[in-house]
Amino acid sequence: MSSITITAIVGGGIIAVILVVYLQQYRQRAADAKRRMVNTLQDRHRQYSLMASSLPAPFISPEVKAILAKRAIATLEELGQLGSPSEYQDQIEEWKTYADNAGKENQTVKPAVNGAAVQEIRRLLKILYRFIESQIKKGRLDKASGARNLENTLYLIGKVLADAHVVKAKSALKAGRFRVAIHHYHDAIAAYSQIPNNALAKKTVVLYRQQIKDLEKQATEALEAKSGATKASADDKLSAQLDDMVNKEDTWKKKQAYDD
């Protein structure tokens, strides 16, 4: 076997090894990219599901619900293309049902959120806000409708926090803690600071300010009443001490007269 042949065989072997290594790396990179894409899509769908299931129904408008369902279905279809389409079919049907029911809930009454859920609901509302923004930028939601939904979502972000402070204020009032209640009403007003021009927020803030004035008056009256009661108690104590001194003096005088 000539040196040229040997060199060719060795060279061919090296090239074959390089090709095998390259192919393995290519497959690994492709697998990694696919895994990252699957994770991204699953995270996206998880956020869509949380907004749909955890936010009270009236917190999302029917038009946003329809877009949310559409984007969730598209996400599941992409996941199906990367894996098994049948695996996601049940979830796709659930989203279709969600879209069909989008306009059937009562959108006028905004339910109160209890203290434990406030932070989670506000977090989801912020995610919803970013979702609406992205749909406007991508042309899936017209600007007028999008602006209205953004304003309403901002209002809800403030309202959830404000309502929580009002609940705490009322609890403090039951315990006669006027200053604590006033503090919570101030916090409730601050919750609307990001939307000073929102009509509903402005109306609510006016009511809170009036409530603060009423509580300031009640706090002053309670303090004066307590101060008056304390003074009356002190006067009564002094009067009792004086009476006791007089009685003791009378007793001493009688004793002296008897001894004489």
Protein backbone atom coordinates (compact mmCIF):
# COMPACT_ATOMS: atom_id res chain seq x y z
CA MET A 1 0.00 0.00 0.00
CA SER A 2 1.51 3.28 -1.07
CA SER A 3 2.02 6.22 1.20
CA ILE A 4 -0.50 8.19 -0.83
CA THR A 5 -3.14 5.56 -0.27
CA ILE A 6 -2.38 5.40 3.43
CA THR A 7 -2.54 9.18 3.66
CA ALA A 8 -5.87 9.19 1.83
CA ILE A 9 -7.29 6.52 4.15
CA VAL A 10 -6.11 8.35 7.27
CA GLY A 11 -7.40 11.63 5.90
CA GLY A 12 -10.72 10.05 5.04
CA GLY A 13 -10.96 8.59 8.52
CA ILE A 14 -10.25 11.97 10.10
CA ILE A 15 -12.85 13.62 7.89
CA ALA A 16 -15.36 10.90 8.79
CA VAL A 17 -14.72 11.42 12.51
CA ILE A 18 -15.08 15.18 12.09
CA LEU A 19 -18.35 14.71 10.23
CA VAL A 20 -19.67 12.35 12.90
CA VAL A 21 -18.71 14.80 15.68
CA TYR A 22 -20.21 17.72 13.75
CA LEU A 23 -23.41 15.76 13.11
CA GLN A 24 -23.68 14.88 16.81
CA GLN A 25 -23.12 18.49 17.81
CA TYR A 26 -25.67 19.63 15.23
CA ARG A 27 -28.23 17.17 16.58
CA GLN A 28 -27.46 18.23 20.15
CA ARG A 29 -27.84 21.90 19.28
CA ALA A 30 -31.07 21.15 17.46
CA ALA A 31 -32.34 19.16 20.45
CA ASP A 32 -31.34 21.97 22.84
CA ALA A 33 -33.04 24.57 20.64
CA LYS A 34 -36.17 22.44 20.49
CA ARG A 35 -36.15 21.98 24.27
CA ARG A 36 -35.76 25.73 24.80
CA MET A 37 -38.61 26.40 22.39
CA VAL A 38 -40.83 23.88 24.16
CA ASN A 39 -40.02 25.45 27.54
CA THR A 40 -40.75 28.93 26.18
CA LEU A 41 -44.08 27.86 24.71
CA GLN A 42 -45.05 25.98 27.87
CA ASP A 43 -44.23 29.02 30.03
CA ARG A 44 -46.26 31.22 27.69
CA HIS A 45 -49.23 28.87 27.82
CA ARG A 46 -48.91 28.62 31.60
CA GLN A 47 -49.23 32.40 31.88
CA TYR A 48 -52.25 32.41 29.57
CA SER A 49 -53.88 29.70 31.69
CA LEU A 50 -53.19 31.56 34.94
CA MET A 51 -54.75 34.74 33.60
CA ALA A 52 -57.81 32.86 32.38
CA SER A 53 -58.31 30.73 35.51
CA SER A 54 -57.05 32.91 38.37
CA LEU A 55 -58.25 36.38 37.42
CA PRO A 56 -61.93 37.02 38.24
CA ALA A 57 -63.94 36.80 35.02
CA PRO A 58 -64.97 40.50 34.92
CA PHE A 59 -61.32 41.55 35.12
CA ILE A 60 -60.76 40.61 31.45
CA SER A 61 -62.93 42.09 28.72
CA PRO A 62 -64.61 39.73 26.20
CA GLU A 63 -62.43 40.97 23.33
CA VAL A 64 -59.23 40.35 25.30
CA LYS A 65 -60.52 36.91 26.33
CA ALA A 66 -61.06 36.05 22.66
CA ILE A 67 -57.50 37.11 21.78
CA LEU A 68 -56.12 35.29 24.83
CA ALA A 69 -57.85 32.08 23.73
CA LYS A 70 -56.63 32.51 20.17
CA ARG A 71 -53.01 32.99 21.26
CA ALA A 72 -53.24 30.05 23.69
CA ILE A 73 -54.55 27.77 20.94
CA ALA A 74 -51.77 28.90 18.58
CA THR A 75 -49.23 28.16 21.31
CA LEU A 76 -50.62 24.67 21.86
CA GLU A 77 -50.57 24.01 18.12
CA GLU A 78 -46.89 24.99 18.03
CA LEU A 79 -46.23 22.61 20.90
CA GLY A 80 -48.05 19.92 18.96
CA GLN A 81 -45.80 20.46 15.97
CA LEU A 82 -42.77 19.97 18.21
CA GLY A 83 -44.21 16.83 19.79
CA SER A 84 -47.52 15.05 19.50
CA PRO A 85 -50.52 17.11 18.27
CA SER A 86 -53.03 14.80 19.98
CA GLU A 87 -51.38 15.51 23.34
CA TYR A 88 -52.75 19.06 23.34
CA GLN A 89 -56.12 18.52 21.70
CA ASP A 90 -58.11 18.47 24.97
CA GLN A 91 -56.57 21.77 26.06
CA ILE A 92 -57.33 23.31 22.67
CA GLU A 93 -60.99 22.32 23.09
CA GLU A 94 -61.04 23.89 26.57
CA TRP A 95 -59.75 27.16 25.13
CA LYS A 96 -62.40 27.07 22.42
CA THR A 97 -65.05 26.72 25.13
CA TYR A 98 -63.44 29.62 27.02
CA ALA A 99 -63.64 31.78 23.87
CA ASP A 100 -67.28 30.82 23.29
CA ASN A 101 -68.17 31.88 26.86
CA ALA A 102 -66.11 35.07 26.72
CA GLY A 103 -69.04 37.47 26.50
CA LYS A 104 -71.46 35.66 28.80
CA GLU A 105 -70.10 36.71 32.21
CA ASN A 106 -71.28 39.81 34.07
CA GLN A 107 -68.67 42.44 33.26
CA THR A 108 -70.17 45.28 35.35
CA VAL A 109 -69.64 43.97 38.88
CA LYS A 110 -65.97 43.81 39.88
CA PRO A 111 -65.66 41.29 42.73
CA ALA A 112 -63.68 42.16 45.84
CA VAL A 113 -60.37 40.36 46.31
CA ASN A 114 -59.47 39.03 49.76
CA GLY A 115 -56.22 39.98 51.45
CA ALA A 116 -54.35 36.76 50.77
CA ALA A 117 -54.88 36.97 47.00
CA VAL A 118 -54.18 40.68 46.48
CA GLN A 119 -50.52 40.44 45.48
CA GLU A 120 -51.08 37.46 43.17
CA ILE A 121 -54.04 39.10 41.42
CA ARG A 122 -52.06 42.32 40.95
CA ARG A 123 -49.15 40.32 39.50
CA LEU A 124 -51.45 38.62 37.02
CA LEU A 125 -53.06 41.94 36.10
CA LYS A 126 -49.62 43.32 35.30
CA ILE A 127 -48.97 40.30 33.08
CA LEU A 128 -52.34 40.95 31.43
CA TYR A 129 -51.36 44.58 30.88
CA ARG A 130 -48.16 43.55 29.08
CA PHE A 131 -50.13 40.99 27.05
CA ILE A 132 -52.56 43.66 25.87
CA GLU A 133 -49.65 45.96 25.00
CA SER A 134 -48.04 43.24 22.89
CA GLN A 135 -51.30 42.51 21.06
CA ILE A 136 -51.68 46.19 20.19
CA LYS A 137 -48.11 46.34 18.83
CA LYS A 138 -48.71 43.21 16.73
CA GLY A 139 -51.95 44.61 15.32
CA ARG A 140 -54.19 41.96 16.89
CA LEU A 141 -56.06 44.56 18.93
CA ASP A 142 -56.97 47.99 17.54
CA LYS A 143 -55.48 51.01 19.28
CA ALA A 144 -58.74 52.49 20.56
CA SER A 145 -59.94 49.22 22.07
CA GLY A 146 -56.43 48.46 23.31
CA ALA A 147 -56.10 51.83 25.05
CA ARG A 148 -59.47 51.29 26.75
CA ASN A 149 -58.44 47.85 27.96
CA LEU A 150 -55.06 49.13 29.18
CA GLU A 151 -56.73 51.89 31.18
CA ASN A 152 -59.23 49.47 32.69
CA THR A 153 -56.45 47.04 33.65
CA LEU A 154 -54.45 49.83 35.30
CA TYR A 155 -57.58 50.83 37.20
CA LEU A 156 -58.04 47.27 38.42
CA ILE A 157 -54.41 47.05 39.54
CA GLY A 158 -55.05 50.11 41.72
CA LYS A 159 -58.54 49.03 42.81
CA VAL A 160 -57.44 45.64 44.10
CA LEU A 161 -54.86 47.28 46.38
CA ALA A 162 -57.18 50.13 47.39
CA ASP A 163 -59.96 47.69 48.32
CA ALA A 164 -57.54 45.72 50.49
CA HIS A 165 -56.61 48.89 52.41
CA VAL A 166 -60.28 49.83 52.85
CA VAL A 167 -60.96 46.40 54.38
CA LYS A 168 -58.09 47.00 56.81
CA ALA A 169 -59.40 50.51 57.56
CA LYS A 170 -62.85 49.17 58.43
CA SER A 171 -61.31 46.51 60.65
CA ALA A 172 -59.31 49.20 62.47
CA LEU A 173 -62.47 51.27 62.94
CA LYS A 174 -64.23 48.38 64.64
CA ALA A 175 -61.37 48.37 67.15
CA GLY A 176 -61.68 52.16 67.59
CA ARG A 177 -58.26 52.79 65.99
CA PHE A 178 -59.12 55.94 64.04
CA ARG A 179 -55.54 56.92 63.13
CA VAL A 180 -54.78 53.46 61.74
CA ALA A 181 -57.97 53.60 59.66
CA ILE A 182 -57.03 57.05 58.34
CA HIS A 183 -53.59 55.76 57.40
CA HIS A 184 -55.13 52.92 55.37
CA TYR A 185 -57.46 55.33 53.55
CA HIS A 186 -54.42 57.40 52.58
CA ASP A 187 -52.80 54.22 51.25
CA ALA A 188 -56.00 53.46 49.32
CA ILE A 189 -55.76 56.88 47.66
CA ALA A 190 -52.08 56.28 46.84
CA ALA A 191 -53.06 53.03 45.08
CA TYR A 192 -54.68 55.14 42.35
CA SER A 193 -51.69 57.46 41.91
CA GLN A 194 -50.76 56.00 38.51
CA ILE A 195 -54.15 56.89 37.00
CA PRO A 196 -55.00 60.40 38.29
CA ASN A 197 -57.21 61.13 35.26
CA ASN A 198 -59.28 57.95 35.39
CA ALA A 199 -62.91 58.95 36.04
CA LEU A 200 -63.69 56.01 38.34
CA ALA A 201 -60.47 56.49 40.28
CA LYS A 202 -61.12 60.22 40.72
CA LYS A 203 -64.63 59.56 41.99
CA THR A 204 -63.38 56.94 44.44
CA VAL A 205 -60.56 59.18 45.69
CA VAL A 206 -63.10 61.96 46.43
CA LEU A 207 -65.10 59.51 48.57
CA TYR A 208 -61.95 58.39 50.40
CA ARG A 209 -60.91 61.97 51.13
CA GLN A 210 -64.34 62.69 52.58
CA GLN A 211 -64.07 59.56 54.68
CA ILE A 212 -60.71 60.76 55.99
CA LYS A 213 -62.24 64.13 56.97
CA ASP A 214 -65.05 62.37 58.81
CA LEU A 215 -62.60 60.10 60.60
CA GLU A 216 -60.36 63.04 61.54
CA LYS A 217 -63.40 64.66 63.17
CA GLN A 218 -64.36 61.44 64.95
CA ALA A 219 -60.78 60.95 66.14
CA THR A 220 -60.68 64.49 67.55
CA GLU A 221 -64.03 64.04 69.29
CA ALA A 222 -62.94 60.71 70.75
CA LEU A 223 -59.70 62.25 72.01
CA GLU A 224 -61.55 65.19 73.58
CA ALA A 225 -64.05 62.85 75.17
CA LYS A 226 -61.22 60.74 76.58
CA SER A 227 -59.43 63.86 77.81
CA GLY A 228 -62.65 65.13 79.43
CA ALA A 229 -63.26 61.79 81.08
CA THR A 230 -59.69 61.74 82.37
CA LYS A 231 -60.07 65.28 83.78
CA ALA A 232 -63.42 64.42 85.38
CA SER A 233 -61.87 61.31 86.91
CA ALA A 234 -58.98 63.38 88.27
CA ASP A 235 -61.41 65.96 89.70
CA ASP A 236 -63.48 63.23 91.31
CA LYS A 237 -60.34 61.70 92.81
CA LEU A 238 -59.21 65.08 94.18
CA SER A 239 -62.68 65.75 95.58
CA ALA A 240 -62.70 62.35 97.25
CA GLN A 241 -59.26 63.02 98.76
CA LEU A 242 -60.44 66.39 100.10
CA ASP A 243 -63.58 64.81 101.56
CA ASP A 244 -61.42 62.16 103.19
CA MET A 245 -59.16 64.85 104.68
CA VAL A 246 -62.16 66.79 106.02
CA ASN A 247 -63.64 63.63 107.53
CA LYS A 248 -60.34 62.78 109.19
CA GLU A 249 -60.05 66.34 110.54
CA ASP A 250 -63.60 66.24 111.94
CA THR A 251 -62.86 62.91 113.58
CA TRP A 252 -59.67 64.31 115.11
CA LYS A 253 -61.49 67.39 116.44
CA LYS A 254 -64.22 65.24 117.96
CA LYS A 255 -61.59 63.03 119.56
CA GLN A 256 -59.82 66.11 120.99
CA ALA A 257 -63.09 67.47 122.39
CA TYR A 258 -63.82 64.11 123.98
CA ASP A 259 -60.35 63.89 125.49
CA ASP A 260 -60.71 67.37 126.96
